């Protein structure tokens, strides 16, 4: 009924609302009922209100929750404290549909938004000194579970699926799920037993004894590695007081070279006789430092069938190459480091985009996975490899791109060498270590 005008009480009392209290609205909550004493879900007092049911705001006759708000504003819910500072809101004036909980206003003293659901960026921001998940008394920034709890992270297939960094966000631990690798940039201290690579065979060579010519094998020389090359002699391998490892040095004539290679004698070293094949999930690592002049100079490091650095020589190979000219094969830019791999005589050359510098240390890593695809790293950074046969090489823009599939059943050997390409000035390469491993 629209109006009570002209109506009698007897005809309208059922439509009138009143409180159940005979004294009217007081400080005590009283049920609001109609004139026939039918109770509603509303209780009313002078300082409080209670609803024993659902509440709708702009929800018309259909209320689908205890509190159902169909907002006509960009900020549908706003809660302020006694000083009119925002402490909770859903939606905001910029229509980004954010939700913030905490001391939100810039004007307030704290300005600490502890939970921010950012719809426009698909992100959740949690700001707190201690955050507990299934932990009622957290004592860390993220404290998950009790002592017997299990934490599981579902990680993406990426070279940086999960990282733990220091205060400057530099990686200390990097979990690489693409290559099944965990890289630790800081020190690793183990107070209990450490099993290491229990499912891999490995050899780590730090050159405690100098490699020499095969003819000079002796107890004082390296029994796993020797040197070969043009005009090479045992005295071309020395040490110095600046760098760890060994220095290999050419004799001073154009195209003189020296290469560290596994001993070729039958039975002398497992590195040669065991046969490390392309399907053995091999990993090769080394660290080298370039000479003070690299103008007429080349070095190579990696897995090949022969010690020859020319990429047209071996049908199957995977190695890093720097060459100041095209003596070892045409290269896109001779000032840059290249990675070369070959599959049954087809050469794939990647310009890594790294300008090689004098007196600079480079850490190389080659990893071949179970699918016989290569991933490479320089100083801990992954570089993508081309699957194109572009002459001279091409740069791969995607750093996670693996190589084409290598030929199966091909044994490869580790080689590290240096060659001079002009004049009478010798060329040096500092070799700090090399490591090689394979599945059992």
Protein backbone atom coordinates (compact mmCIF):
# COMPACT_ATOMS: atom_id res chain seq x y z
CA UNK A 1 0.00 0.00 0.00
CA UNK A 2 1.35 3.39 -0.94
CA UNK A 3 -0.20 5.59 1.78
CA UNK A 4 -2.06 5.38 5.10
CA UNK A 5 -4.15 8.44 4.30
CA UNK A 6 -7.86 7.75 4.87
CA UNK A 7 -7.14 4.22 6.19
CA UNK A 8 -8.25 2.85 9.55
CA UNK A 9 -5.93 1.04 11.92
CA UNK A 10 -8.04 -2.09 11.71
CA UNK A 11 -7.51 -2.29 7.97
CA UNK A 12 -3.77 -1.54 7.96
CA UNK A 13 -2.21 -2.78 11.21
CA UNK A 14 -0.76 -5.96 9.60
CA UNK A 15 1.35 -3.86 7.23
CA UNK A 16 2.79 -1.65 9.97
CA UNK A 17 6.19 -2.40 11.50
CA UNK A 18 6.96 -2.19 15.19
CA UNK A 19 9.42 -3.60 17.70
CA UNK A 20 8.60 -6.53 19.92
CA UNK A 21 9.46 -4.39 22.93
CA UNK A 22 6.50 -2.68 24.53
CA UNK A 23 8.74 0.28 25.34
CA UNK A 24 9.79 0.89 21.68
CA UNK A 25 13.38 1.25 20.49
CA UNK A 26 15.84 0.99 23.39
CA UNK A 27 19.52 0.13 23.86
CA UNK A 28 18.51 -3.52 23.91
CA UNK A 29 18.08 -5.20 20.52
CA UNK A 30 14.44 -5.92 19.79
CA UNK A 31 12.95 -7.84 16.87
CA UNK A 32 11.16 -5.79 14.25
CA UNK A 33 7.78 -7.34 13.50
CA UNK A 34 4.55 -6.48 11.74
CA UNK A 35 1.32 -5.47 13.42
CA UNK A 36 0.27 -9.11 13.61
CA UNK A 37 3.48 -9.94 15.59
CA UNK A 38 5.14 -11.78 12.67
CA UNK A 39 8.88 -11.48 13.35
CA UNK A 40 11.32 -10.28 10.68
CA UNK A 41 15.03 -11.10 10.43
CA UNK A 42 15.88 -7.58 11.68
CA UNK A 43 16.68 -6.64 15.27
CA UNK A 44 16.98 -2.95 16.14
CA UNK A 45 18.37 -0.97 19.05
CA UNK A 46 19.38 2.60 19.65
CA UNK A 47 23.07 1.81 19.04
CA UNK A 48 23.07 -1.46 17.15
CA UNK A 49 21.45 -3.43 14.35
CA UNK A 50 21.37 -7.17 13.71
CA UNK A 51 20.18 -9.18 10.73
CA UNK A 52 19.43 -12.88 11.19
CA UNK A 53 19.56 -13.62 7.45
CA UNK A 54 20.88 -12.30 4.16
CA UNK A 55 21.62 -8.66 3.41
CA UNK A 56 21.55 -7.19 -0.09
CA UNK A 57 22.76 -3.86 -1.40
CA UNK A 58 21.38 -2.99 -4.84
CA UNK A 59 20.65 -6.69 -5.21
CA UNK A 60 16.92 -6.26 -5.85
CA UNK A 61 14.91 -9.34 -4.77
CA UNK A 62 17.65 -11.90 -5.51
CA UNK A 63 20.16 -12.15 -2.65
CA UNK A 64 22.73 -14.90 -3.24
CA UNK A 65 24.97 -14.55 -0.19
CA UNK A 66 24.88 -13.42 3.43
CA UNK A 67 26.11 -10.06 2.11
CA UNK A 68 25.34 -9.43 -1.55
CA UNK A 69 26.53 -6.13 -3.00
CA UNK A 70 25.80 -5.13 -6.58
CA UNK A 71 27.93 -2.04 -6.65
CA UNK A 72 27.14 1.08 -8.59
CA UNK A 73 30.53 2.54 -7.63
CA UNK A 74 34.08 1.61 -8.66
CA UNK A 75 34.87 1.17 -4.97
CA UNK A 76 32.20 -1.21 -3.78
CA UNK A 77 33.35 -1.60 -0.15
CA UNK A 78 35.24 0.91 1.99
CA UNK A 79 36.06 0.61 5.70
CA UNK A 80 37.70 3.50 7.54
CA UNK A 81 38.98 3.81 11.09
CA UNK A 82 38.00 6.54 13.58
CA UNK A 83 40.43 8.96 11.90
CA UNK A 84 38.87 8.34 8.48
CA UNK A 85 41.95 6.41 7.28
CA UNK A 86 41.23 3.58 4.85
CA UNK A 87 41.93 0.16 6.38
CA UNK A 88 40.09 -2.02 3.87
CA UNK A 89 38.58 -1.52 0.45
CA UNK A 90 37.44 -3.50 -2.57
CA UNK A 91 37.78 -1.64 -5.84
CA UNK A 92 39.22 1.86 -6.10
CA UNK A 93 38.68 5.15 -7.86
CA UNK A 94 40.80 4.09 -10.87
CA UNK A 95 38.56 1.09 -11.63
CA UNK A 96 41.42 -1.42 -11.31
CA UNK A 97 39.31 -3.60 -8.96
CA UNK A 98 42.08 -3.92 -6.39
CA UNK A 99 41.54 -5.15 -2.86
CA UNK A 100 43.69 -3.75 -0.05
CA UNK A 101 43.83 -4.68 3.62
CA UNK A 102 45.95 -2.78 6.15
CA UNK A 103 46.89 0.83 6.82
CA UNK A 104 46.27 2.04 3.29
CA UNK A 105 46.11 5.86 3.21
CA UNK A 106 49.29 7.78 2.45
CA UNK A 107 48.06 10.38 4.92
CA UNK A 108 48.10 7.95 7.83
CA UNK A 109 51.12 7.40 10.03
CA UNK A 110 51.73 3.76 9.13
CA UNK A 111 50.92 3.50 5.43
CA UNK A 112 51.41 -0.26 5.62
CA UNK A 113 49.23 -2.20 3.19
CA UNK A 114 49.79 -5.77 4.34
CA UNK A 115 47.68 -7.57 1.73
CA UNK A 116 47.07 -6.27 -1.78
CA UNK A 117 45.19 -8.20 -4.43
CA UNK A 118 46.08 -6.48 -7.69
CA UNK A 119 43.55 -7.48 -10.31
CA UNK A 120 45.06 -5.37 -13.10
CA UNK A 121 48.42 -7.15 -12.78
CA UNK A 122 47.18 -10.64 -11.79
CA UNK A 123 49.28 -10.44 -8.63
CA UNK A 124 49.01 -10.79 -4.86
CA UNK A 125 51.30 -8.67 -2.71
CA UNK A 126 51.82 -9.77 0.88
CA UNK A 127 53.79 -7.41 3.10
CA UNK A 128 54.71 -8.72 6.49
CA UNK A 129 57.69 -9.52 8.67
CA UNK A 130 56.25 -12.91 9.58
CA UNK A 131 53.87 -14.88 7.36
CA UNK A 132 52.63 -18.29 8.38
CA UNK A 133 50.99 -21.04 6.32
CA UNK A 134 49.64 -23.75 8.61
CA UNK A 135 51.79 -22.07 11.25
CA UNK A 136 50.09 -20.10 14.01
CA UNK A 137 53.32 -18.52 15.32
CA UNK A 138 55.46 -17.77 12.26
CA UNK A 139 59.06 -16.79 12.90
CA UNK A 140 60.19 -16.10 9.33
CA UNK A 141 59.11 -14.02 6.35
CA UNK A 142 57.54 -17.23 5.02
CA UNK A 143 57.08 -19.99 7.57
CA UNK A 144 55.35 -23.03 6.09
CA UNK A 145 53.96 -25.76 8.32
CA UNK A 146 55.31 -27.35 11.47
CA UNK A 147 58.47 -29.43 11.82
CA UNK A 148 56.97 -32.37 9.95
CA UNK A 149 55.39 -30.32 7.16
CA UNK A 150 56.06 -30.89 3.48
CA UNK A 151 56.57 -28.02 1.06
CA UNK A 152 56.08 -28.59 -2.65
CA UNK A 153 56.68 -25.99 -5.35
CA UNK A 154 55.28 -26.57 -8.83
CA UNK A 155 57.93 -24.92 -11.02
CA UNK A 156 57.88 -23.94 -14.67
CA UNK A 157 60.14 -25.49 -17.31
CA UNK A 158 62.60 -22.63 -17.28
CA UNK A 159 66.29 -21.93 -16.75
CA UNK A 160 65.25 -19.75 -13.79
CA UNK A 161 62.24 -21.66 -12.49
CA UNK A 162 63.11 -20.63 -8.93
CA UNK A 163 65.80 -18.31 -7.59
CA UNK A 164 66.98 -17.34 -4.13
CA UNK A 165 68.87 -14.06 -4.11
CA UNK A 166 70.72 -11.77 -1.74
CA UNK A 167 69.69 -8.25 -0.72
CA UNK A 168 70.61 -6.91 -4.15
CA UNK A 169 68.55 -9.67 -5.86
CA UNK A 170 71.69 -11.35 -7.23
CA UNK A 171 71.14 -15.08 -7.59
CA UNK A 172 72.66 -17.27 -4.90
CA UNK A 173 70.65 -20.39 -5.76
CA UNK A 174 69.12 -20.88 -9.19
CA UNK A 175 66.91 -23.91 -9.87
CA UNK A 176 66.98 -24.70 -13.59
CA UNK A 177 64.22 -27.20 -14.39
CA UNK A 178 64.92 -27.11 -18.13
CA UNK A 179 68.38 -28.61 -17.65
CA UNK A 180 67.75 -30.37 -14.30
CA UNK A 181 70.38 -28.19 -12.67
CA UNK A 182 70.71 -26.35 -9.37
CA UNK A 183 73.37 -23.63 -9.57
CA UNK A 184 74.82 -22.25 -6.34
CA UNK A 185 76.79 -19.01 -6.72
CA UNK A 186 77.73 -18.75 -3.04
CA UNK A 187 79.63 -21.12 -0.79
CA UNK A 188 78.10 -24.51 0.03
CA UNK A 189 78.78 -25.85 3.51
CA UNK A 190 77.76 -29.42 4.31
CA UNK A 191 78.09 -30.53 7.93
CA UNK A 192 76.84 -34.07 7.27
CA UNK A 193 77.65 -36.60 4.56
CA UNK A 194 77.65 -35.39 0.97
CA UNK A 195 77.14 -38.06 -1.69
CA UNK A 196 77.85 -35.77 -4.64
CA UNK A 197 77.03 -37.07 -8.11
CA UNK A 198 76.16 -40.59 -7.02
CA UNK A 199 74.55 -41.41 -10.37
CA UNK A 200 77.30 -40.03 -12.59
CA UNK A 201 80.89 -40.85 -13.46
CA UNK A 202 83.08 -37.76 -13.39
CA UNK A 203 86.64 -36.58 -13.70
CA UNK A 204 87.81 -33.18 -12.48
CA UNK A 205 91.23 -32.04 -13.62
CA UNK A 206 92.93 -29.14 -11.83
CA UNK A 207 96.34 -29.88 -13.36
CA UNK A 208 98.23 -30.71 -10.20
CA UNK A 209 100.74 -32.26 -12.59
CA UNK A 210 101.65 -30.63 -15.89
CA UNK A 211 100.49 -32.23 -19.14
CA UNK A 212 103.43 -33.06 -21.40
CA UNK A 213 104.18 -34.78 -24.69
CA UNK A 214 103.21 -38.42 -24.86
CA UNK A 215 106.87 -39.34 -25.07
CA UNK A 216 107.48 -37.62 -21.73
CA UNK A 217 104.90 -39.51 -19.66
CA UNK A 218 106.34 -39.95 -16.19
CA UNK A 219 105.24 -40.06 -12.58
CA UNK A 220 105.92 -36.31 -12.37
CA UNK A 221 103.69 -35.57 -15.37
CA UNK A 222 99.94 -35.69 -15.80
CA UNK A 223 98.80 -39.28 -16.41
CA UNK A 224 95.39 -38.36 -17.86
CA UNK A 225 96.22 -35.53 -20.23
CA UNK A 226 99.00 -34.79 -22.69
CA UNK A 227 99.64 -31.98 -25.19
CA UNK A 228 99.70 -32.14 -28.98
CA UNK A 229 100.04 -29.52 -31.67
CA UNK A 230 102.25 -27.88 -34.27
CA UNK A 231 105.79 -27.29 -32.94
CA UNK A 232 104.61 -28.34 -29.46
CA UNK A 233 107.02 -29.52 -26.77
CA UNK A 234 106.62 -30.36 -23.10
CA UNK A 235 108.18 -27.06 -22.04
CA UNK A 236 105.25 -25.24 -23.69
CA UNK A 237 103.21 -26.08 -20.57
CA UNK A 238 104.14 -24.07 -17.48
CA UNK A 239 102.67 -22.35 -14.44
CA UNK A 240 102.76 -18.71 -13.40
CA UNK A 241 102.21 -16.78 -10.18
CA UNK A 242 99.08 -14.97 -11.35
CA UNK A 243 96.64 -17.70 -12.32
CA UNK A 244 95.76 -21.17 -11.10
CA UNK A 245 96.12 -24.20 -13.35
CA UNK A 246 98.55 -24.19 -16.29
CA UNK A 247 99.65 -21.95 -19.13
CA UNK A 248 99.90 -23.42 -22.63
CA UNK A 249 101.97 -21.38 -25.07
CA UNK A 250 102.79 -21.64 -28.77
CA UNK A 251 106.38 -21.51 -30.08
CA UNK A 252 106.20 -18.21 -31.97
CA UNK A 253 105.63 -19.17 -35.62
CA UNK A 254 102.50 -18.53 -37.66
CA UNK A 255 99.96 -21.35 -37.13
CA UNK A 256 101.86 -22.88 -34.19
CA UNK A 257 99.35 -24.51 -31.86
CA UNK A 258 99.12 -26.47 -28.62
CA UNK A 259 96.17 -28.51 -27.36
CA UNK A 260 95.47 -30.34 -24.10
CA UNK A 261 94.05 -33.75 -24.98
CA UNK A 262 93.44 -37.05 -23.15
CA UNK A 263 96.39 -39.48 -23.41
CA UNK A 264 96.10 -41.51 -26.59
CA UNK A 265 97.84 -44.66 -25.30
CA UNK A 266 95.53 -47.65 -24.96
CA UNK A 267 94.57 -48.17 -21.33
CA UNK A 268 96.33 -45.03 -20.10
CA UNK A 269 93.19 -43.06 -19.18
CA UNK A 270 89.49 -43.83 -18.93
CA UNK A 271 88.69 -40.47 -20.52
CA UNK A 272 89.93 -41.85 -23.84
CA UNK A 273 89.28 -45.58 -23.56
CA UNK A 274 85.90 -45.60 -21.80
CA UNK A 275 84.21 -43.71 -24.70
CA UNK A 276 81.89 -40.88 -23.72
CA UNK A 277 79.08 -40.88 -26.26
CA UNK A 278 76.48 -38.36 -27.30
CA UNK A 279 73.67 -40.31 -25.58
CA UNK A 280 75.57 -40.53 -22.26
CA UNK A 281 74.23 -37.17 -21.00
CA UNK A 282 77.76 -35.82 -20.93
CA UNK A 283 78.68 -32.53 -19.28
CA UNK A 284 81.89 -30.66 -20.11
CA UNK A 285 83.14 -27.68 -18.12
CA UNK A 286 86.32 -25.64 -18.12
CA UNK A 287 87.68 -22.23 -17.22
CA UNK A 288 90.22 -20.33 -19.31
CA UNK A 289 91.78 -16.88 -19.31
CA UNK A 290 92.77 -15.20 -22.56
CA UNK A 291 96.20 -13.77 -23.43
CA UNK A 292 97.17 -10.10 -23.17
CA UNK A 293 96.85 -9.90 -26.97
CA UNK A 294 94.21 -11.72 -29.03
CA UNK A 295 94.68 -9.90 -32.36
CA UNK A 296 96.20 -12.92 -34.15
CA UNK A 297 94.86 -15.62 -31.94
CA UNK A 298 92.36 -18.43 -31.51
CA UNK A 299 91.26 -20.79 -28.76
CA UNK A 300 88.80 -23.66 -28.66
CA UNK A 301 87.30 -25.75 -25.86
CA UNK A 302 84.77 -28.55 -25.85
CA UNK A 303 83.96 -32.04 -27.12
CA UNK A 304 85.26 -33.16 -30.51
CA UNK A 305 86.40 -36.25 -32.38
CA UNK A 306 89.81 -34.71 -33.03
CA UNK A 307 91.93 -31.91 -31.61
CA UNK A 308 91.72 -29.94 -34.89
CA UNK A 309 89.89 -26.61 -34.31
CA UNK A 310 88.62 -26.27 -37.92
CA UNK A 311 84.90 -26.87 -37.74
CA UNK A 312 84.82 -28.62 -41.13
CA UNK A 313 87.11 -31.41 -39.85
CA UNK A 314 84.82 -33.38 -37.51
CA UNK A 315 81.40 -34.62 -38.57
CA UNK A 316 80.18 -34.61 -34.95
CA UNK A 317 81.32 -32.12 -32.30
CA UNK A 318 80.25 -29.51 -29.74
CA UNK A 319 82.72 -26.78 -28.78
CA UNK A 320 83.39 -23.08 -28.16
CA UNK A 321 85.58 -21.23 -30.67
CA UNK A 322 87.16 -17.81 -30.86
CA UNK A 323 89.29 -17.00 -33.90
CA UNK A 324 90.56 -13.57 -34.97
CA UNK A 325 90.41 -14.64 -38.62
CA UNK A 326 88.66 -17.34 -40.66
CA UNK A 327 91.47 -19.91 -40.55
CA UNK A 328 89.22 -22.40 -38.71
CA UNK A 329 86.20 -21.66 -40.93
CA UNK A 330 84.17 -18.58 -41.75
CA UNK A 331 82.68 -16.80 -38.74
CA UNK A 332 80.08 -14.03 -38.69
CA UNK A 333 82.09 -11.65 -36.50
CA UNK A 334 85.65 -12.59 -35.63
CA UNK A 335 85.69 -10.50 -32.45
CA UNK A 336 82.96 -12.65 -30.89
CA UNK A 337 82.77 -16.03 -29.23
CA UNK A 338 80.99 -18.73 -31.23
CA UNK A 339 79.59 -22.14 -30.36
CA UNK A 340 79.74 -24.83 -33.01
CA UNK A 341 78.08 -28.21 -33.10
CA UNK A 342 77.87 -30.66 -35.96
CA UNK A 343 75.40 -33.43 -36.72
CA UNK A 344 76.62 -36.06 -39.21
CA UNK A 345 78.63 -33.47 -41.11
CA UNK A 346 76.13 -30.58 -40.94
CA UNK A 347 77.58 -27.61 -39.05
CA UNK A 348 75.46 -25.33 -36.85
CA UNK A 349 77.25 -22.12 -35.84
CA UNK A 350 75.90 -19.77 -33.17
CA UNK A 351 77.32 -16.28 -32.69
CA UNK A 352 76.95 -15.95 -28.92
CA UNK A 353 77.25 -12.17 -29.11
CA UNK A 354 80.09 -12.13 -26.55
CA UNK A 355 83.00 -9.89 -27.57
CA UNK A 356 86.12 -11.73 -26.41
CA UNK A 357 88.47 -9.52 -24.40
CA UNK A 358 92.13 -9.75 -23.44
CA UNK A 359 93.13 -11.07 -20.03
CA UNK A 360 89.55 -12.18 -19.31
CA UNK A 361 88.38 -15.36 -17.62
CA UNK A 362 85.59 -17.38 -19.21
CA UNK A 363 83.82 -20.35 -17.65
CA UNK A 364 82.34 -22.67 -20.28
CA UNK A 365 79.78 -25.42 -19.81
CA UNK A 366 78.31 -27.83 -22.36
CA UNK A 367 75.44 -30.09 -21.25
CA UNK A 368 73.89 -32.77 -23.46
CA UNK A 369 70.53 -34.05 -22.24
CA UNK A 370 68.86 -37.43 -22.58
CA UNK A 371 67.38 -36.35 -25.93
CA UNK A 372 70.91 -35.59 -27.25
CA UNK A 373 70.25 -31.84 -27.29
CA UNK A 374 72.88 -29.34 -26.17
CA UNK A 375 72.58 -26.39 -23.81
CA UNK A 376 75.55 -24.07 -23.24
CA UNK A 377 76.56 -21.61 -20.55
CA UNK A 378 79.20 -18.90 -20.37
CA UNK A 379 80.02 -17.60 -16.89
CA UNK A 380 76.81 -19.17 -15.60
CA UNK A 381 74.55 -17.57 -18.23
CA UNK A 382 72.66 -19.76 -20.70
CA UNK A 383 72.84 -18.93 -24.41
CA UNK A 384 70.45 -20.26 -27.04
CA UNK A 385 71.72 -22.33 -29.97
CA UNK A 386 70.67 -22.09 -33.59
CA UNK A 387 69.27 -24.97 -35.58
CA UNK A 388 69.91 -23.10 -38.82
CA UNK A 389 72.86 -23.79 -41.10
CA UNK A 390 73.42 -20.09 -41.85
CA UNK A 391 76.95 -19.62 -43.23
CA UNK A 392 79.29 -18.05 -40.69
CA UNK A 393 76.79 -18.32 -37.87
CA UNK A 394 73.76 -16.50 -36.51
CA UNK A 395 72.72 -15.22 -33.08
CA UNK A 396 69.84 -17.06 -31.40
CA UNK A 397 67.63 -14.50 -29.65
CA UNK A 398 65.97 -16.96 -27.24
CA UNK A 399 68.45 -17.94 -24.55
CA UNK A 400 66.69 -21.21 -23.68
CA UNK A 401 66.71 -22.67 -27.21
CA UNK A 402 68.45 -26.05 -27.31
CA UNK A 403 70.41 -27.51 -30.21
CA UNK A 404 69.15 -29.87 -32.87
CA UNK A 405 69.40 -33.55 -31.95
CA UNK A 406 72.94 -34.92 -32.14
CA UNK A 407 73.85 -38.15 -33.90
CA UNK A 408 73.56 -41.09 -31.52
CA UNK A 409 76.40 -43.42 -30.56
CA UNK A 410 79.23 -40.98 -31.35
CA UNK A 411 82.15 -40.91 -28.85
CA UNK A 412 83.62 -37.46 -28.21
CA UNK A 413 86.73 -36.32 -26.33
CA UNK A 414 87.53 -33.09 -24.44
CA UNK A 415 90.01 -30.67 -26.04
CA UNK A 416 91.30 -27.22 -25.04
CA UNK A 417 93.74 -25.48 -27.36
CA UNK A 418 95.30 -22.22 -28.54
CA UNK A 419 96.84 -21.22 -31.87
CA UNK A 420 98.71 -18.16 -33.09
CA UNK A 421 97.83 -16.75 -36.49
CA UNK A 422 100.72 -14.47 -37.39
CA UNK A 423 104.28 -13.35 -36.71
CA UNK A 424 106.81 -14.28 -34.11
CA UNK A 425 104.84 -13.39 -30.96
CA UNK A 426 103.75 -16.44 -29.00
CA UNK A 427 100.13 -16.98 -27.95
CA UNK A 428 99.14 -18.08 -24.45
CA UNK A 429 96.04 -19.56 -22.90
CA UNK A 430 95.57 -20.00 -19.15
CA UNK A 431 93.66 -23.21 -18.43
CA UNK A 432 92.39 -23.34 -14.84
CA UNK A 433 90.50 -26.63 -14.86
CA UNK A 434 88.38 -28.94 -16.94
CA UNK A 435 85.65 -31.30 -15.82
CA UNK A 436 83.82 -34.04 -17.63
CA UNK A 437 81.04 -36.34 -16.47
CA UNK A 438 78.48 -38.79 -17.85
CA UNK A 439 75.69 -41.02 -16.58
CA UNK A 440 76.77 -44.30 -15.07
